[in-house]
Amino acid sequence: AKKHPKAKGIVMGQHGLINWADDDKACYELSLDLIEKAAEYIAQR
């Protein structure tokens, strides 16, 4: 997170997703946004 100050999340290899925000609703929506992006990428293939 320090090396990538603009990052909003991290994919942990063979484990899962972790993401953060300074507002709880924004954090919830960010979780959904990031999952949706991966799911849509897979769906297209």
All heavy atoms as atom14 arrays in JSON, in Angstrom:
{
  "sequence": "AKKHPKAKGIVMGQHGLINWADDDKACYELSLDLIEKAAEYIAQR",
  "atom14_mask": [
    [1, 1, 1, 1, 1, 0, 0, 0, 0, 0, 0, 0, 0, 0],
    [1, 1, 1, 1, 1, 1, 1, 1, 1, 0, 0, 0, 0, 0],
    [1, 1, 1, 1, 1, 1, 1, 1, 1, 0, 0, 0, 0, 0],
    [1, 1, 1, 1, 1, 1, 1, 1, 1, 1, 0, 0, 0, 0],
    [1, 1, 1, 1, 1, 1, 1, 0, 0, 0, 0, 0, 0, 0],
    [1, 1, 1, 1, 1, 1, 1, 1, 1, 0, 0, 0, 0, 0],
    [1, 1, 1, 1, 1, 0, 0, 0, 0, 0, 0, 0, 0, 0],
    [1, 1, 1, 1, 1, 1, 1, 1, 1, 0, 0, 0, 0, 0],
    [1, 1, 1, 1, 0, 0, 0, 0, 0, 0, 0, 0, 0, 0],
    [1, 1, 1, 1, 1, 1, 1, 1, 0, 0, 0, 0, 0, 0],
    [1, 1, 1, 1, 1, 1, 1, 0, 0, 0, 0, 0, 0, 0],
    [1, 1, 1, 1, 1, 1, 1, 1, 0, 0, 0, 0, 0, 0],
    [1, 1, 1, 1, 0, 0, 0, 0, 0, 0, 0, 0, 0, 0],
    [1, 1, 1, 1, 1, 1, 1, 1, 1, 0, 0, 0, 0, 0],
    [1, 1, 1, 1, 1, 1, 1, 1, 1, 1, 0, 0, 0, 0],
    [1, 1, 1, 1, 0, 0, 0, 0, 0, 0, 0, 0, 0, 0],
    [1, 1, 1, 1, 1, 1, 1, 1, 0, 0, 0, 0, 0, 0],
    [1, 1, 1, 1, 1, 1, 1, 1, 0, 0, 0, 0, 0, 0],
    [1, 1, 1, 1, 1, 1, 1, 1, 0, 0, 0, 0, 0, 0],
    [1, 1, 1, 1, 1, 1, 1, 1, 1, 1, 1, 1, 1, 1],
    [1, 1, 1, 1, 1, 0, 0, 0, 0, 0, 0, 0, 0, 0],
    [1, 1, 1, 1, 1, 1, 1, 1, 0, 0, 0, 0, 0, 0],
    [1, 1, 1, 1, 1, 1, 1, 1, 0, 0, 0, 0, 0, 0],
    [1, 1, 1, 1, 1, 1, 1, 1, 0, 0, 0, 0, 0, 0],
    [1, 1, 1, 1, 1, 1, 1, 1, 1, 0, 0, 0, 0, 0],
    [1, 1, 1, 1, 1, 0, 0, 0, 0, 0, 0, 0, 0, 0],
    [1, 1, 1, 1, 1, 1, 0, 0, 0, 0, 0, 0, 0, 0],
    [1, 1, 1, 1, 1, 1, 1, 1, 1, 1, 1, 1, 0, 0],
    [1, 1, 1, 1, 1, 1, 1, 1, 1, 0, 0, 0, 0, 0],
    [1, 1, 1, 1, 1, 1, 1, 1, 0, 0, 0, 0, 0, 0],
    [1, 1, 1, 1, 1, 1, 0, 0, 0, 0, 0, 0, 0, 0],
    [1, 1, 1, 1, 1, 1, 1, 1, 0, 0, 0, 0, 0, 0],
    [1, 1, 1, 1, 1, 1, 1, 1, 0, 0, 0, 0, 0, 0],
    [1, 1, 1, 1, 1, 1, 1, 1, 0, 0, 0, 0, 0, 0],
    [1, 1, 1, 1, 1, 1, 1, 1, 0, 0, 0, 0, 0, 0],
    [1, 1, 1, 1, 1, 1, 1, 1, 1, 0, 0, 0, 0, 0],
    [1, 1, 1, 1, 1, 1, 1, 1, 1, 0, 0, 0, 0, 0],
    [1, 1, 1, 1, 1, 0, 0, 0, 0, 0, 0, 0, 0, 0],
    [1, 1, 1, 1, 1, 0, 0, 0, 0, 0, 0, 0, 0, 0],
    [1, 1, 1, 1, 1, 1, 1, 1, 1, 0, 0, 0, 0, 0],
    [1, 1, 1, 1, 1, 1, 1, 1, 1, 1, 1, 1, 0, 0],
    [1, 1, 1, 1, 1, 1, 1, 1, 0, 0, 0, 0, 0, 0],
    [1, 1, 1, 1, 1, 0, 0, 0, 0, 0, 0, 0, 0, 0],
    [1, 1, 1, 1, 1, 1, 1, 1, 1, 0, 0, 0, 0, 0],
    [1, 1, 1, 1, 1, 1, 1, 1, 1, 1, 1, 0, 0, 0]
  ],
  "atom14_positions": [
    [[0.82, -1.21, 0.0], [0.0, 0.0, 0.0], [0.86, 1.26, 0.0], [0.51, 2.26, -0.65], [-0.93, -0.01, 1.21], [0.0, 0.0, 0.0], [0.0, 0.0, 0.0], [0.0, 0.0, 0.0], [0.0, 0.0, 0.0], [0.0, 0.0, 0.0], [0.0, 0.0, 0.0], [0.0, 0.0, 0.0], [0.0, 0.0, 0.0], [0.0, 0.0, 0.0]],
    [[2.01, 1.23, 0.7], [2.9, 2.4, 0.72], [3.54, 2.63, -0.64], [3.69, 3.77, -1.1], [3.99, 2.2, 1.78], [3.5, 2.38, 3.22], [4.64, 2.15, 4.21], [4.18, 2.34, 5.64], [5.27, 2.06, 6.62], [0.0, 0.0, 0.0], [0.0, 0.0, 0.0], [0.0, 0.0, 0.0], [0.0, 0.0, 0.0], [0.0, 0.0, 0.0]],
    [[3.91, 1.55, -1.32], [4.56, 1.67, -2.63], [3.57, 2.07, -3.72], [3.97, 2.59, -4.78], [5.23, 0.35, -3.01], [6.49, 0.04, -2.21], [7.12, -1.25, -2.71], [8.41, -1.57, -1.97], [9.01, -2.84, -2.43], [0.0, 0.0, 0.0], [0.0, 0.0, 0.0], [0.0, 0.0, 0.0], [0.0, 0.0, 0.0], [0.0, 0.0, 0.0]],
    [[2.29, 1.81, -3.49], [1.26, 2.09, -4.5], [0.15, 2.92, -3.84], [-0.95, 2.42, -3.58], [0.7, 0.79, -5.06], [1.73, -0.11, -5.66], [2.15, -0.03, -6.96], [2.44, -1.14, -5.1], [3.06, -0.95, -7.2], [3.26, -1.64, -6.09], [0.0, 0.0, 0.0], [0.0, 0.0, 0.0], [0.0, 0.0, 0.0], [0.0, 0.0, 0.0]],
    [[0.42, 4.2, -3.58], [-0.54, 5.02, -2.83], [-1.89, 5.19, -3.52], [-2.87, 5.52, -2.86], [0.19, 6.36, -2.7], [1.22, 6.36, -3.77], [1.64, 4.95, -3.94], [0.0, 0.0, 0.0], [0.0, 0.0, 0.0], [0.0, 0.0, 0.0], [0.0, 0.0, 0.0], [0.0, 0.0, 0.0], [0.0, 0.0, 0.0], [0.0, 0.0, 0.0]],
    [[-1.97, 4.95, -4.82], [-3.25, 5.1, -5.53], [-4.04, 3.79, -5.55], [-5.18, 3.77, -6.01], [-3.01, 5.58, -6.95], [-2.45, 6.99, -7.03], [-2.29, 7.44, -8.48], [-1.73, 8.86, -8.55], [-1.57, 9.3, -9.97], [0.0, 0.0, 0.0], [0.0, 0.0, 0.0], [0.0, 0.0, 0.0], [0.0, 0.0, 0.0], [0.0, 0.0, 0.0]],
    [[-3.43, 2.72, -5.09], [-4.11, 1.42, -5.11], [-5.27, 1.39, -4.12], [-5.25, 2.05, -3.08], [-3.13, 0.31, -4.79], [0.0, 0.0, 0.0], [0.0, 0.0, 0.0], [0.0, 0.0, 0.0], [0.0, 0.0, 0.0], [0.0, 0.0, 0.0], [0.0, 0.0, 0.0], [0.0, 0.0, 0.0], [0.0, 0.0, 0.0], [0.0, 0.0, 0.0]],
    [[-6.29, 0.63, -4.46], [-7.48, 0.49, -3.62], [-7.64, -0.94, -3.1], [-8.52, -1.2, -2.29], [-8.72, 0.86, -4.41], [-8.73, 2.29, -4.94], [-9.99, 2.53, -5.78], [-10.01, 3.94, -6.36], [-11.22, 4.16, -7.21], [0.0, 0.0, 0.0], [0.0, 0.0, 0.0], [0.0, 0.0, 0.0], [0.0, 0.0, 0.0], [0.0, 0.0, 0.0]],
    [[-6.82, -1.85, -3.61], [-6.97, -3.23, -3.19], [-5.78, -4.07, -3.59], [-4.89, -3.63, -4.33], [0.0, 0.0, 0.0], [0.0, 0.0, 0.0], [0.0, 0.0, 0.0], [0.0, 0.0, 0.0], [0.0, 0.0, 0.0], [0.0, 0.0, 0.0], [0.0, 0.0, 0.0], [0.0, 0.0, 0.0], [0.0, 0.0, 0.0], [0.0, 0.0, 0.0]],
    [[-5.76, -5.31, -3.08], [-4.68, -6.26, -3.35], [-5.3, -7.62, -3.61], [-6.2, -8.07, -2.88], [-3.72, -6.35, -2.15], [-3.03, -5.0, -1.9], [-2.67, -7.45, -2.37], [-2.24, -4.94, -0.6], [0.0, 0.0, 0.0], [0.0, 0.0, 0.0], [0.0, 0.0, 0.0], [0.0, 0.0, 0.0], [0.0, 0.0, 0.0], [0.0, 0.0, 0.0]],
    [[-4.83, -8.29, -4.67], [-5.17, -9.69, -4.89], [-4.07, -10.52, -4.25], [-2.9, -10.42, -4.63], [-5.28, -10.02, -6.39], [-5.4, -11.53, -6.6], [-6.49, -9.32, -7.01], [0.0, 0.0, 0.0], [0.0, 0.0, 0.0], [0.0, 0.0, 0.0], [0.0, 0.0, 0.0], [0.0, 0.0, 0.0], [0.0, 0.0, 0.0], [0.0, 0.0, 0.0]],
    [[-4.46, -11.33, -3.28], [-3.5, -12.2, -2.6], [-3.49, -13.55, -3.32], [-4.51, -14.23, -3.4], [-3.88, -12.37, -1.13], [-3.79, -11.06, -0.35], [-4.3, -11.25, 1.38], [-6.07, -11.31, 1.17], [0.0, 0.0, 0.0], [0.0, 0.0, 0.0], [0.0, 0.0, 0.0], [0.0, 0.0, 0.0], [0.0, 0.0, 0.0], [0.0, 0.0, 0.0]],
    [[-2.33, -13.9, -3.87], [-2.22, -15.1, -4.68], [-2.82, -16.32, -4.01], [-2.5, -16.6, -2.85], [0.0, 0.0, 0.0], [0.0, 0.0, 0.0], [0.0, 0.0, 0.0], [0.0, 0.0, 0.0], [0.0, 0.0, 0.0], [0.0, 0.0, 0.0], [0.0, 0.0, 0.0], [0.0, 0.0, 0.0], [0.0, 0.0, 0.0], [0.0, 0.0, 0.0]],
    [[-3.71, -17.03, -4.74], [-4.35, -18.26, -4.28], [-5.1, -18.1, -2.97], [-5.29, -19.07, -2.23], [-3.32, -19.39, -4.19], [-2.76, -19.75, -5.56], [-1.66, -20.75, -5.5], [-0.56, -20.44, -5.05], [-1.93, -21.96, -5.96], [0.0, 0.0, 0.0], [0.0, 0.0, 0.0], [0.0, 0.0, 0.0], [0.0, 0.0, 0.0], [0.0, 0.0, 0.0]],
    [[-5.55, -16.88, -2.71], [-6.23, -16.65, -1.44], [-7.5, -15.82, -1.62], [-8.59, -16.31, -1.36], [-5.27, -15.96, -0.47], [-5.83, -15.78, 0.91], [-5.07, -15.34, 1.96], [-7.08, -15.94, 1.41], [-5.81, -15.27, 3.05], [-7.05, -15.64, 2.73], [0.0, 0.0, 0.0], [0.0, 0.0, 0.0], [0.0, 0.0, 0.0], [0.0, 0.0, 0.0]],
    [[-7.39, -14.58, -2.06], [-8.58, -13.77, -2.14], [-8.29, -12.31, -2.4], [-7.21, -11.94, -2.87], [0.0, 0.0, 0.0], [0.0, 0.0, 0.0], [0.0, 0.0, 0.0], [0.0, 0.0, 0.0], [0.0, 0.0, 0.0], [0.0, 0.0, 0.0], [0.0, 0.0, 0.0], [0.0, 0.0, 0.0], [0.0, 0.0, 0.0], [0.0, 0.0, 0.0]],
    [[-9.24, -11.47, -2.05], [-9.21, -10.03, -2.33], [-9.27, -9.26, -1.02], [-10.01, -9.64, -0.1], [-10.41, -9.65, -3.2], [-10.66, -8.16, -3.45], [-9.56, -7.57, -4.33], [-12.03, -7.95, -4.11], [0.0, 0.0, 0.0], [0.0, 0.0, 0.0], [0.0, 0.0, 0.0], [0.0, 0.0, 0.0], [0.0, 0.0, 0.0], [0.0, 0.0, 0.0]],
    [[-8.51, -8.17, -0.94], [-8.63, -7.25, 0.18], [-8.6, -5.84, -0.39], [-7.8, -5.52, -1.26], [-7.54, -7.48, 1.25], [-7.86, -6.74, 2.53], [-6.14, -7.15, 0.74], [-7.07, -7.23, 3.75], [0.0, 0.0, 0.0], [0.0, 0.0, 0.0], [0.0, 0.0, 0.0], [0.0, 0.0, 0.0], [0.0, 0.0, 0.0], [0.0, 0.0, 0.0]],
    [[-9.53, -4.99, 0.05], [-9.61, -3.61, -0.45], [-10.06, -2.69, 0.67], [-10.57, -3.12, 1.7], [-10.55, -3.52, -1.65], [-11.9, -4.15, -1.41], [-12.11, -5.32, -1.73], [-12.84, -3.39, -0.84], [0.0, 0.0, 0.0], [0.0, 0.0, 0.0], [0.0, 0.0, 0.0], [0.0, 0.0, 0.0], [0.0, 0.0, 0.0], [0.0, 0.0, 0.0]],
    [[-9.88, -1.4, 0.47], [-10.11, -0.46, 1.55], [-10.62, 0.88, 1.04], [-10.47, 1.23, -0.13], [-8.82, -0.25, 2.35], [-7.65, 0.21, 1.52], [-7.28, 1.49, 1.23], [-6.71, -0.63, 0.84], [-6.16, 1.52, 0.44], [-5.79, 0.23, 0.18], [-6.53, -2.01, 0.73], [-4.72, -0.25, -0.57], [-5.48, -2.48, -0.03], [-4.58, -1.62, -0.67]],
    [[-11.25, 1.62, 1.97], [-11.75, 2.96, 1.69], [-11.93, 3.66, 3.03], [-11.91, 3.03, 4.09], [-13.05, 2.92, 0.9], [0.0, 0.0, 0.0], [0.0, 0.0, 0.0], [0.0, 0.0, 0.0], [0.0, 0.0, 0.0], [0.0, 0.0, 0.0], [0.0, 0.0, 0.0], [0.0, 0.0, 0.0], [0.0, 0.0, 0.0], [0.0, 0.0, 0.0]],
    [[-12.16, 4.98, 2.97], [-12.35, 5.74, 4.21], [-13.81, 5.93, 4.57], [-14.14, 6.6, 5.56], [-11.65, 7.1, 4.11], [-10.13, 6.98, 4.21], [-9.66, 6.05, 4.9], [-9.42, 7.78, 3.59], [0.0, 0.0, 0.0], [0.0, 0.0, 0.0], [0.0, 0.0, 0.0], [0.0, 0.0, 0.0], [0.0, 0.0, 0.0], [0.0, 0.0, 0.0]],
    [[-14.71, 5.37, 3.77], [-16.14, 5.42, 4.04], [-16.68, 4.0, 3.91], [-16.3, 3.26, 3.01], [-16.83, 6.35, 3.02], [-18.34, 6.33, 3.16], [-18.86, 6.99, 4.07], [-19.0, 5.62, 2.36], [0.0, 0.0, 0.0], [0.0, 0.0, 0.0], [0.0, 0.0, 0.0], [0.0, 0.0, 0.0], [0.0, 0.0, 0.0], [0.0, 0.0, 0.0]],
    [[-17.58, 3.62, 4.81], [-18.02, 2.22, 4.82], [-18.84, 1.85, 3.59], [-18.65, 0.78, 3.0], [-18.76, 1.88, 6.12], [-19.95, 2.78, 6.42], [-20.24, 3.7, 5.64], [-20.6, 2.55, 7.47], [0.0, 0.0, 0.0], [0.0, 0.0, 0.0], [0.0, 0.0, 0.0], [0.0, 0.0, 0.0], [0.0, 0.0, 0.0], [0.0, 0.0, 0.0]],
    [[-19.74, 2.72, 3.18], [-20.51, 2.43, 1.97], [-19.6, 2.37, 0.75], [-19.75, 1.49, -0.12], [-21.6, 3.47, 1.77], [-22.46, 3.24, 0.54], [-23.51, 4.33, 0.36], [-24.32, 4.12, -0.91], [-25.3, 5.2, -1.14], [0.0, 0.0, 0.0], [0.0, 0.0, 0.0], [0.0, 0.0, 0.0], [0.0, 0.0, 0.0], [0.0, 0.0, 0.0]],
    [[-18.64, 3.29, 0.7], [-17.7, 3.29, -0.42], [-16.88, 2.01, -0.44], [-16.57, 1.48, -1.52], [-16.78, 4.52, -0.33], [0.0, 0.0, 0.0], [0.0, 0.0, 0.0], [0.0, 0.0, 0.0], [0.0, 0.0, 0.0], [0.0, 0.0, 0.0], [0.0, 0.0, 0.0], [0.0, 0.0, 0.0], [0.0, 0.0, 0.0], [0.0, 0.0, 0.0]],
    [[-16.52, 1.5, 0.73], [-15.75, 0.25, 0.81], [-16.59, -0.92, 0.31], [-16.11, -1.77, -0.45], [-15.3, 0.01, 2.25], [-14.09, -1.31, 2.42], [0.0, 0.0, 0.0], [0.0, 0.0, 0.0], [0.0, 0.0, 0.0], [0.0, 0.0, 0.0], [0.0, 0.0, 0.0], [0.0, 0.0, 0.0], [0.0, 0.0, 0.0], [0.0, 0.0, 0.0]],
    [[-17.86, -0.94, 0.71], [-18.77, -1.99, 0.24], [-18.9, -1.94, -1.28], [-18.79, -2.97, -1.96], [-20.14, -1.8, 0.9], [-21.23, -2.68, 0.33], [-21.31, -4.03, 0.68], [-22.18, -2.17, -0.54], [-22.3, -4.84, 0.16], [-23.19, -2.97, -1.06], [-23.25, -4.31, -0.71], [-24.24, -5.11, -1.23], [0.0, 0.0, 0.0], [0.0, 0.0, 0.0]],
    [[-19.12, -0.76, -1.82], [-19.29, -0.63, -3.27], [-18.0, -0.95, -4.01], [-18.03, -1.53, -5.1], [-19.79, 0.77, -3.61], [-21.21, 1.02, -3.13], [-21.73, 2.4, -3.49], [-20.9, 3.3, -3.79], [-22.96, 2.6, -3.47], [0.0, 0.0, 0.0], [0.0, 0.0, 0.0], [0.0, 0.0, 0.0], [0.0, 0.0, 0.0], [0.0, 0.0, 0.0]],
    [[-16.86, -0.6, -3.41], [-15.58, -0.94, -4.03], [-15.41, -2.46, -4.1], [-14.96, -2.99, -5.12], [-14.43, -0.32, -3.23], [-13.01, -0.67, -3.69], [-12.77, -0.18, -5.13], [-11.97, -0.07, -2.73], [0.0, 0.0, 0.0], [0.0, 0.0, 0.0], [0.0, 0.0, 0.0], [0.0, 0.0, 0.0], [0.0, 0.0, 0.0], [0.0, 0.0, 0.0]],
    [[-15.78, -3.15, -3.03], [-15.7, -4.62, -3.05], [-16.5, -5.17, -4.22], [-16.02, -6.02, -4.98], [-16.24, -5.2, -1.74], [-15.41, -4.85, -0.64], [0.0, 0.0, 0.0], [0.0, 0.0, 0.0], [0.0, 0.0, 0.0], [0.0, 0.0, 0.0], [0.0, 0.0, 0.0], [0.0, 0.0, 0.0], [0.0, 0.0, 0.0], [0.0, 0.0, 0.0]],
    [[-17.72, -4.68, -4.37], [-18.57, -5.16, -5.47], [-17.99, -4.79, -6.83], [-18.0, -5.59, -7.77], [-19.99, -4.59, -5.33], [-20.98, -5.47, -4.53], [-20.47, -5.75, -3.12], [-22.35, -4.79, -4.47], [0.0, 0.0, 0.0], [0.0, 0.0, 0.0], [0.0, 0.0, 0.0], [0.0, 0.0, 0.0], [0.0, 0.0, 0.0], [0.0, 0.0, 0.0]],
    [[-17.46, -3.56, -6.94], [-16.88, -3.13, -8.22], [-15.73, -4.04, -8.65], [-15.63, -4.44, -9.81], [-16.38, -1.69, -8.11], [-17.5, -0.66, -8.0], [-18.65, -1.01, -8.33], [-17.22, 0.47, -7.58], [0.0, 0.0, 0.0], [0.0, 0.0, 0.0], [0.0, 0.0, 0.0], [0.0, 0.0, 0.0], [0.0, 0.0, 0.0], [0.0, 0.0, 0.0]],
    [[-14.85, -4.33, -7.69], [-13.67, -5.13, -8.02], [-14.04, -6.58, -8.37], [-13.47, -7.17, -9.29], [-12.67, -5.1, -6.86], [-12.12, -3.72, -6.49], [-11.16, -3.81, -5.31], [-11.42, -3.06, -7.68], [0.0, 0.0, 0.0], [0.0, 0.0, 0.0], [0.0, 0.0, 0.0], [0.0, 0.0, 0.0], [0.0, 0.0, 0.0], [0.0, 0.0, 0.0]],
    [[-15.0, -7.12, -7.64], [-15.44, -8.48, -7.95], [-16.13, -8.51, -9.31], [-15.92, -9.42, -10.12], [-16.39, -9.0, -6.84], [-15.64, -9.08, -5.5], [-16.95, -10.37, -7.21], [-16.54, -9.24, -4.3], [0.0, 0.0, 0.0], [0.0, 0.0, 0.0], [0.0, 0.0, 0.0], [0.0, 0.0, 0.0], [0.0, 0.0, 0.0], [0.0, 0.0, 0.0]],
    [[-16.95, -7.51, -9.57], [-17.66, -7.43, -10.84], [-16.69, -7.38, -12.02], [-16.92, -8.02, -13.06], [-18.56, -6.2, -10.85], [-19.39, -6.02, -12.11], [-20.63, -6.91, -12.16], [-20.89, -7.63, -11.17], [-21.33, -6.88, -13.19], [0.0, 0.0, 0.0], [0.0, 0.0, 0.0], [0.0, 0.0, 0.0], [0.0, 0.0, 0.0], [0.0, 0.0, 0.0]],
    [[-15.61, -6.63, -11.87], [-14.62, -6.53, -12.96], [-14.01, -7.89, -13.28], [-13.88, -8.27, -14.45], [-13.51, -5.54, -12.59], [-13.89, -4.08, -12.75], [-12.69, -3.18, -12.52], [-13.05, -1.72, -12.75], [-11.88, -0.82, -12.57], [0.0, 0.0, 0.0], [0.0, 0.0, 0.0], [0.0, 0.0, 0.0], [0.0, 0.0, 0.0], [0.0, 0.0, 0.0]],
    [[-13.62, -8.63, -12.24], [-13.03, -9.95, -12.46], [-14.06, -10.91, -13.06], [-13.76, -11.66, -13.99], [-12.48, -10.51, -11.15], [0.0, 0.0, 0.0], [0.0, 0.0, 0.0], [0.0, 0.0, 0.0], [0.0, 0.0, 0.0], [0.0, 0.0, 0.0], [0.0, 0.0, 0.0], [0.0, 0.0, 0.0], [0.0, 0.0, 0.0], [0.0, 0.0, 0.0]],
    [[-15.28, -10.87, -12.53], [-16.32, -11.76, -13.02], [-16.67, -11.47, -14.47], [-16.88, -12.4, -15.27], [-17.56, -11.64, -12.13], [0.0, 0.0, 0.0], [0.0, 0.0, 0.0], [0.0, 0.0, 0.0], [0.0, 0.0, 0.0], [0.0, 0.0, 0.0], [0.0, 0.0, 0.0], [0.0, 0.0, 0.0], [0.0, 0.0, 0.0], [0.0, 0.0, 0.0]],
    [[-16.71, -10.2, -14.84], [-17.04, -9.84, -16.21], [-15.91, -10.24, -17.16], [-16.16, -10.72, -18.27], [-17.3, -8.33, -16.31], [-17.81, -7.86, -17.65], [-19.13, -8.51, -18.05], [-19.95, -8.81, -17.16], [-19.33, -8.73, -19.27], [0.0, 0.0, 0.0], [0.0, 0.0, 0.0], [0.0, 0.0, 0.0], [0.0, 0.0, 0.0], [0.0, 0.0, 0.0]],
    [[-14.68, -10.08, -16.7], [-13.52, -10.49, -17.5], [-13.59, -11.98, -17.81], [-13.36, -12.42, -18.93], [-12.24, -10.16, -16.73], [-10.96, -10.49, -17.45], [-10.35, -9.57, -18.3], [-10.34, -11.73, -17.26], [-9.15, -9.88, -18.95], [-9.15, -12.04, -17.91], [-8.56, -11.11, -18.75], [-7.38, -11.41, -19.4], [0.0, 0.0, 0.0], [0.0, 0.0, 0.0]],
    [[-13.96, -12.77, -16.78], [-14.08, -14.22, -16.96], [-15.26, -14.56, -17.86], [-15.16, -15.41, -18.76], [-14.21, -14.91, -15.59], [-12.9, -14.79, -14.8], [-14.58, -16.39, -15.74], [-13.01, -15.18, -13.35], [0.0, 0.0, 0.0], [0.0, 0.0, 0.0], [0.0, 0.0, 0.0], [0.0, 0.0, 0.0], [0.0, 0.0, 0.0], [0.0, 0.0, 0.0]],
    [[-16.39, -13.89, -17.63], [-17.6, -14.19, -18.4], [-17.38, -13.98, -19.9], [-17.92, -14.73, -20.73], [-18.76, -13.32, -17.91], [0.0, 0.0, 0.0], [0.0, 0.0, 0.0], [0.0, 0.0, 0.0], [0.0, 0.0, 0.0], [0.0, 0.0, 0.0], [0.0, 0.0, 0.0], [0.0, 0.0, 0.0], [0.0, 0.0, 0.0], [0.0, 0.0, 0.0]],
    [[-16.6, -12.96, -20.24], [-16.34, -12.67, -21.66], [-15.51, -13.77, -22.32], [-15.44, -13.85, -23.55], [-15.64, -11.33, -21.79], [-16.54, -10.14, -21.46], [-15.78, -8.83, -21.39], [-14.56, -8.78, -21.62], [-16.48, -7.75, -21.08], [0.0, 0.0, 0.0], [0.0, 0.0, 0.0], [0.0, 0.0, 0.0], [0.0, 0.0, 0.0], [0.0, 0.0, 0.0]],
    [[-14.87, -14.61, -21.5], [-14.01, -15.67, -22.02], [-14.56, -17.07, -21.71], [-13.85, -18.06, -21.81], [-12.6, -15.51, -21.45], [-11.92, -14.25, -21.99], [-10.83, -13.74, -21.06], [-10.2, -12.55, -21.62], [-10.72, -11.32, -21.56], [-11.91, -11.13, -20.96], [-10.09, -10.28, -22.08], [0.0, 0.0, 0.0], [0.0, 0.0, 0.0], [0.0, 0.0, 0.0]]
  ]
}
